[in-house]
Amino acid sequence: MTATAFDVFVVNNRESNRFELWERAPEGNRMVSFLDYESQENRFVIPWVETDPVRRGEGFADLLIAEVLNQIDRENSLVVPLCPFAAKHIADRPERHHLLAPVED
């Protein structure tokens, strides 16, 4: 089963510099994945993405990264993916390469 089969929503928790993916459930909403970030001018540095170990492999991290990239694109910002998972997600999607910040010396 993939994450698209679940009722989820993304929250930008600005106080924690973290995007959170929440799953709606009858017993209460539950955070299933999160992405830490540092905001530097028009850049989002992504050092870490994590999913609840019990829910790994269900596509939640990919879903979260996709929504975060949508927001970054809407804000005309760029991304610096330090997290290997986030970097691979972007590398595998050429249509997202325009969001990559140039490498600085």
N, C-alpha and C. Protein backbone atom coordinates (compact mmCIF):
# COMPACT_ATOMS: atom_id res chain seq x y z
N MET A 1 0.85 -1.17 0.00
CA MET A 1 0.00 0.00 0.00
C MET A 1 0.89 1.24 0.00
N THR A 2 0.51 2.26 -0.73
CA THR A 2 1.29 3.50 -0.79
C THR A 2 0.60 4.59 0.00
N ALA A 3 1.34 5.64 0.28
CA ALA A 3 0.82 6.74 1.08
C ALA A 3 -0.37 7.42 0.42
N THR A 4 -0.50 7.33 -0.89
CA THR A 4 -1.61 7.99 -1.56
C THR A 4 -2.95 7.38 -1.17
N ALA A 5 -2.95 6.19 -0.58
CA ALA A 5 -4.18 5.55 -0.14
C ALA A 5 -4.63 6.08 1.23
N PHE A 6 -3.83 6.93 1.84
CA PHE A 6 -4.13 7.45 3.17
C PHE A 6 -4.60 8.89 3.09
N ASP A 7 -5.30 9.33 4.12
CA ASP A 7 -5.75 10.71 4.23
C ASP A 7 -4.68 11.48 5.01
N VAL A 8 -3.87 12.25 4.30
CA VAL A 8 -2.74 12.93 4.93
C VAL A 8 -2.76 14.43 4.60
N PHE A 9 -2.04 15.19 5.42
CA PHE A 9 -1.88 16.62 5.17
C PHE A 9 -0.51 17.05 5.69
N VAL A 10 0.00 18.16 5.12
CA VAL A 10 1.33 18.67 5.47
C VAL A 10 1.18 19.98 6.23
N VAL A 11 1.96 20.11 7.29
CA VAL A 11 2.00 21.33 8.10
C VAL A 11 3.43 21.85 8.10
N ASN A 12 3.58 23.16 7.88
CA ASN A 12 4.89 23.79 8.04
C ASN A 12 4.97 24.32 9.47
N ASN A 13 5.66 23.59 10.32
CA ASN A 13 5.85 23.98 11.72
C ASN A 13 7.05 24.93 11.77
N ARG A 14 6.77 26.21 11.56
CA ARG A 14 7.83 27.21 11.45
C ARG A 14 8.65 27.34 12.75
N GLU A 15 8.02 27.14 13.89
CA GLU A 15 8.74 27.24 15.17
C GLU A 15 9.84 26.20 15.28
N SER A 16 9.61 25.03 14.68
CA SER A 16 10.59 23.94 14.74
C SER A 16 11.40 23.80 13.45
N ASN A 17 11.14 24.69 12.46
CA ASN A 17 11.78 24.56 11.14
C ASN A 17 11.60 23.14 10.62
N ARG A 18 10.34 22.74 10.54
CA ARG A 18 10.04 21.36 10.18
C ARG A 18 8.72 21.29 9.41
N PHE A 19 8.75 20.59 8.28
CA PHE A 19 7.51 20.22 7.60
C PHE A 19 7.10 18.87 8.16
N GLU A 20 5.82 18.72 8.45
CA GLU A 20 5.32 17.49 9.05
C GLU A 20 4.20 16.91 8.19
N LEU A 21 4.24 15.62 7.98
CA LEU A 21 3.18 14.91 7.27
C LEU A 21 2.35 14.18 8.31
N TRP A 22 1.07 14.54 8.37
CA TRP A 22 0.15 13.97 9.34
C TRP A 22 -0.87 13.08 8.64
N GLU A 23 -1.21 12.00 9.29
CA GLU A 23 -2.26 11.10 8.80
C GLU A 23 -3.50 11.31 9.65
N ARG A 24 -4.63 11.54 8.98
CA ARG A 24 -5.90 11.65 9.70
C ARG A 24 -6.39 10.24 10.02
N ALA A 25 -6.85 10.06 11.24
CA ALA A 25 -7.36 8.76 11.66
C ALA A 25 -8.47 8.97 12.68
N PRO A 26 -9.42 8.04 12.76
CA PRO A 26 -10.53 8.18 13.71
C PRO A 26 -10.06 8.36 15.16
N GLU A 27 -8.96 7.72 15.50
CA GLU A 27 -8.46 7.81 16.88
C GLU A 27 -7.63 9.07 17.11
N GLY A 28 -7.45 9.88 16.07
CA GLY A 28 -6.70 11.13 16.18
C GLY A 28 -5.59 11.22 15.15
N ASN A 29 -5.26 12.44 14.77
CA ASN A 29 -4.20 12.65 13.78
C ASN A 29 -2.85 12.21 14.35
N ARG A 30 -2.01 11.71 13.45
CA ARG A 30 -0.71 11.19 13.87
C ARG A 30 0.35 11.61 12.86
N MET A 31 1.46 12.20 13.36
CA MET A 31 2.55 12.56 12.47
C MET A 31 3.28 11.28 12.05
N VAL A 32 3.43 11.09 10.73
CA VAL A 32 4.08 9.88 10.23
C VAL A 32 5.43 10.15 9.59
N SER A 33 5.69 11.41 9.22
CA SER A 33 6.97 11.74 8.61
C SER A 33 7.25 13.22 8.84
N PHE A 34 8.54 13.57 8.89
CA PHE A 34 8.88 14.98 9.01
C PHE A 34 10.17 15.27 8.25
N LEU A 35 10.33 16.53 7.91
CA LEU A 35 11.48 17.00 7.15
C LEU A 35 11.99 18.26 7.83
N ASP A 36 13.17 18.20 8.41
CA ASP A 36 13.78 19.39 9.02
C ASP A 36 14.35 20.28 7.92
N TYR A 37 14.36 21.58 8.16
CA TYR A 37 14.95 22.50 7.18
C TYR A 37 15.55 23.71 7.87
N GLU A 38 16.45 24.35 7.15
CA GLU A 38 16.98 25.65 7.53
C GLU A 38 16.63 26.60 6.40
N SER A 39 16.07 27.73 6.73
CA SER A 39 15.70 28.72 5.73
C SER A 39 16.80 29.77 5.65
N GLN A 40 17.39 29.92 4.47
CA GLN A 40 18.47 30.88 4.24
C GLN A 40 18.12 31.71 3.02
N GLU A 41 17.60 32.91 3.25
CA GLU A 41 17.14 33.80 2.18
C GLU A 41 16.11 33.06 1.34
N ASN A 42 16.43 32.78 0.08
CA ASN A 42 15.47 32.09 -0.79
C ASN A 42 15.82 30.61 -0.94
N ARG A 43 16.50 30.06 0.05
CA ARG A 43 16.93 28.65 -0.01
C ARG A 43 16.39 27.88 1.20
N PHE A 44 16.00 26.65 0.92
CA PHE A 44 15.64 25.72 1.98
C PHE A 44 16.71 24.63 2.00
N VAL A 45 17.46 24.57 3.08
CA VAL A 45 18.46 23.52 3.26
C VAL A 45 17.77 22.37 3.99
N ILE A 46 17.83 21.17 3.38
CA ILE A 46 17.15 20.00 3.96
C ILE A 46 18.21 19.01 4.44
N PRO A 47 18.50 19.04 5.75
CA PRO A 47 19.50 18.10 6.27
C PRO A 47 18.92 16.74 6.64
N TRP A 48 17.59 16.63 6.78
CA TRP A 48 17.06 15.40 7.35
C TRP A 48 15.60 15.19 6.98
N VAL A 49 15.27 13.95 6.64
CA VAL A 49 13.89 13.51 6.46
C VAL A 49 13.74 12.21 7.24
N GLU A 50 12.65 12.08 7.97
CA GLU A 50 12.46 10.87 8.76
C GLU A 50 11.00 10.43 8.73
N THR A 51 10.79 9.13 8.75
CA THR A 51 9.46 8.54 8.81
C THR A 51 9.40 7.61 10.01
N ASP A 52 8.23 7.55 10.63
CA ASP A 52 8.01 6.62 11.74
C ASP A 52 8.48 5.23 11.30
N PRO A 53 9.37 4.60 12.05
CA PRO A 53 9.92 3.30 11.64
C PRO A 53 8.85 2.26 11.31
N VAL A 54 7.73 2.31 11.99
CA VAL A 54 6.64 1.35 11.74
C VAL A 54 6.01 1.59 10.37
N ARG A 55 6.12 2.81 9.85
CA ARG A 55 5.44 3.18 8.60
C ARG A 55 6.40 3.31 7.42
N ARG A 56 7.67 3.02 7.60
CA ARG A 56 8.63 3.13 6.50
C ARG A 56 8.27 2.18 5.37
N GLY A 57 8.58 2.61 4.16
CA GLY A 57 8.32 1.80 2.98
C GLY A 57 6.93 1.98 2.40
N GLU A 58 6.13 2.86 3.00
CA GLU A 58 4.77 3.10 2.52
C GLU A 58 4.66 4.33 1.63
N GLY A 59 5.77 5.04 1.42
CA GLY A 59 5.77 6.19 0.52
C GLY A 59 5.55 7.53 1.18
N PHE A 60 5.51 7.57 2.50
CA PHE A 60 5.24 8.83 3.18
C PHE A 60 6.33 9.87 2.97
N ALA A 61 7.60 9.48 3.03
CA ALA A 61 8.69 10.45 2.85
C ALA A 61 8.66 11.04 1.44
N ASP A 62 8.43 10.22 0.43
CA ASP A 62 8.32 10.74 -0.94
C ASP A 62 7.16 11.72 -1.06
N LEU A 63 6.04 11.38 -0.47
CA LEU A 63 4.88 12.26 -0.51
C LEU A 63 5.18 13.59 0.17
N LEU A 64 5.85 13.54 1.31
CA LEU A 64 6.21 14.76 2.03
C LEU A 64 7.18 15.61 1.21
N ILE A 65 8.22 15.00 0.68
CA ILE A 65 9.19 15.76 -0.12
C ILE A 65 8.51 16.39 -1.33
N ALA A 66 7.63 15.67 -1.98
CA ALA A 66 6.93 16.21 -3.15
C ALA A 66 6.14 17.46 -2.78
N GLU A 67 5.43 17.43 -1.66
CA GLU A 67 4.65 18.59 -1.25
C GLU A 67 5.55 19.75 -0.83
N VAL A 68 6.64 19.46 -0.16
CA VAL A 68 7.59 20.52 0.22
C VAL A 68 8.17 21.17 -1.04
N LEU A 69 8.53 20.37 -2.03
CA LEU A 69 9.06 20.93 -3.28
C LEU A 69 8.01 21.77 -3.99
N ASN A 70 6.74 21.38 -3.92
CA ASN A 70 5.67 22.21 -4.50
C ASN A 70 5.65 23.58 -3.82
N GLN A 71 5.77 23.60 -2.51
CA GLN A 71 5.76 24.87 -1.79
C GLN A 71 6.99 25.70 -2.13
N ILE A 72 8.15 25.07 -2.18
CA ILE A 72 9.38 25.78 -2.54
C ILE A 72 9.24 26.39 -3.92
N ASP A 73 8.66 25.66 -4.84
CA ASP A 73 8.45 26.15 -6.21
C ASP A 73 7.49 27.34 -6.21
N ARG A 74 6.39 27.25 -5.46
CA ARG A 74 5.42 28.35 -5.40
C ARG A 74 6.04 29.62 -4.84
N GLU A 75 7.00 29.46 -3.93
CA GLU A 75 7.66 30.61 -3.31
C GLU A 75 8.86 31.11 -4.12
N ASN A 76 9.09 30.50 -5.29
CA ASN A 76 10.25 30.84 -6.12
C ASN A 76 11.55 30.74 -5.33
N SER A 77 11.63 29.73 -4.49
CA SER A 77 12.82 29.47 -3.70
C SER A 77 13.59 28.30 -4.30
N LEU A 78 14.71 27.99 -3.70
CA LEU A 78 15.56 26.88 -4.15
C LEU A 78 15.79 25.93 -2.99
N VAL A 79 16.31 24.75 -3.31
CA VAL A 79 16.53 23.74 -2.29
C VAL A 79 17.98 23.26 -2.31
N VAL A 80 18.49 22.99 -1.13
CA VAL A 80 19.81 22.38 -0.95
C VAL A 80 19.57 21.07 -0.21
N PRO A 81 19.48 19.95 -0.93
CA PRO A 81 19.15 18.67 -0.29
C PRO A 81 20.39 17.96 0.27
N LEU A 82 20.70 18.19 1.54
CA LEU A 82 21.82 17.51 2.18
C LEU A 82 21.46 16.07 2.54
N CYS A 83 20.20 15.83 2.79
CA CYS A 83 19.71 14.49 3.11
C CYS A 83 19.80 13.61 1.86
N PRO A 84 20.47 12.46 1.93
CA PRO A 84 20.59 11.59 0.75
C PRO A 84 19.24 11.16 0.17
N PHE A 85 18.25 10.92 1.02
CA PHE A 85 16.94 10.51 0.52
C PHE A 85 16.29 11.64 -0.28
N ALA A 86 16.35 12.86 0.24
CA ALA A 86 15.79 14.01 -0.47
C ALA A 86 16.55 14.27 -1.76
N ALA A 87 17.87 14.15 -1.73
CA ALA A 87 18.69 14.36 -2.93
C ALA A 87 18.33 13.36 -4.02
N LYS A 88 18.14 12.10 -3.64
CA LYS A 88 17.78 11.07 -4.62
C LYS A 88 16.38 11.32 -5.18
N HIS A 89 15.46 11.74 -4.31
CA HIS A 89 14.10 12.05 -4.76
C HIS A 89 14.15 13.09 -5.88
N ILE A 90 14.94 14.14 -5.69
CA ILE A 90 15.05 15.20 -6.69
C ILE A 90 15.82 14.70 -7.92
N ALA A 91 16.91 13.99 -7.71
CA ALA A 91 17.72 13.49 -8.83
C ALA A 91 16.91 12.59 -9.75
N ASP A 92 15.97 11.84 -9.18
CA ASP A 92 15.14 10.92 -9.97
C ASP A 92 14.01 11.62 -10.71
N ARG A 93 13.87 12.93 -10.52
CA ARG A 93 12.77 13.68 -11.12
C ARG A 93 13.32 14.91 -11.84
N PRO A 94 13.69 14.77 -13.11
CA PRO A 94 14.28 15.90 -13.85
C PRO A 94 13.40 17.15 -13.85
N GLU A 95 12.10 16.99 -13.74
CA GLU A 95 11.20 18.15 -13.73
C GLU A 95 11.37 18.98 -12.45
N ARG A 96 12.11 18.48 -11.48
CA ARG A 96 12.36 19.21 -10.23
C ARG A 96 13.76 19.82 -10.17
N HIS A 97 14.60 19.54 -11.14
CA HIS A 97 16.00 19.99 -11.10
C HIS A 97 16.12 21.51 -11.06
N HIS A 98 15.14 22.24 -11.59
CA HIS A 98 15.21 23.70 -11.57
C HIS A 98 15.14 24.27 -10.15
N LEU A 99 14.75 23.43 -9.19
CA LEU A 99 14.66 23.88 -7.80
C LEU A 99 15.98 23.78 -7.05
N LEU A 100 16.96 23.10 -7.64
CA LEU A 100 18.25 22.92 -6.98
C LEU A 100 19.05 24.22 -6.95
N ALA A 101 19.52 24.59 -5.78
CA ALA A 101 20.37 25.77 -5.65
C ALA A 101 21.73 25.47 -6.26
N PRO A 102 22.34 26.46 -6.92
CA PRO A 102 23.68 26.24 -7.45
C PRO A 102 24.66 25.92 -6.33
N VAL A 103 25.62 25.09 -6.62
CA VAL A 103 26.64 24.72 -5.64
C VAL A 103 27.60 25.89 -5.50
N GLU A 104 27.84 26.28 -4.24
CA GLU A 104 28.75 27.40 -3.98
C GLU A 104 30.12 26.86 -3.64
N ASP A 105 31.16 27.58 -4.05
CA ASP A 105 32.54 27.18 -3.74
C ASP A 105 32.91 27.56 -2.33
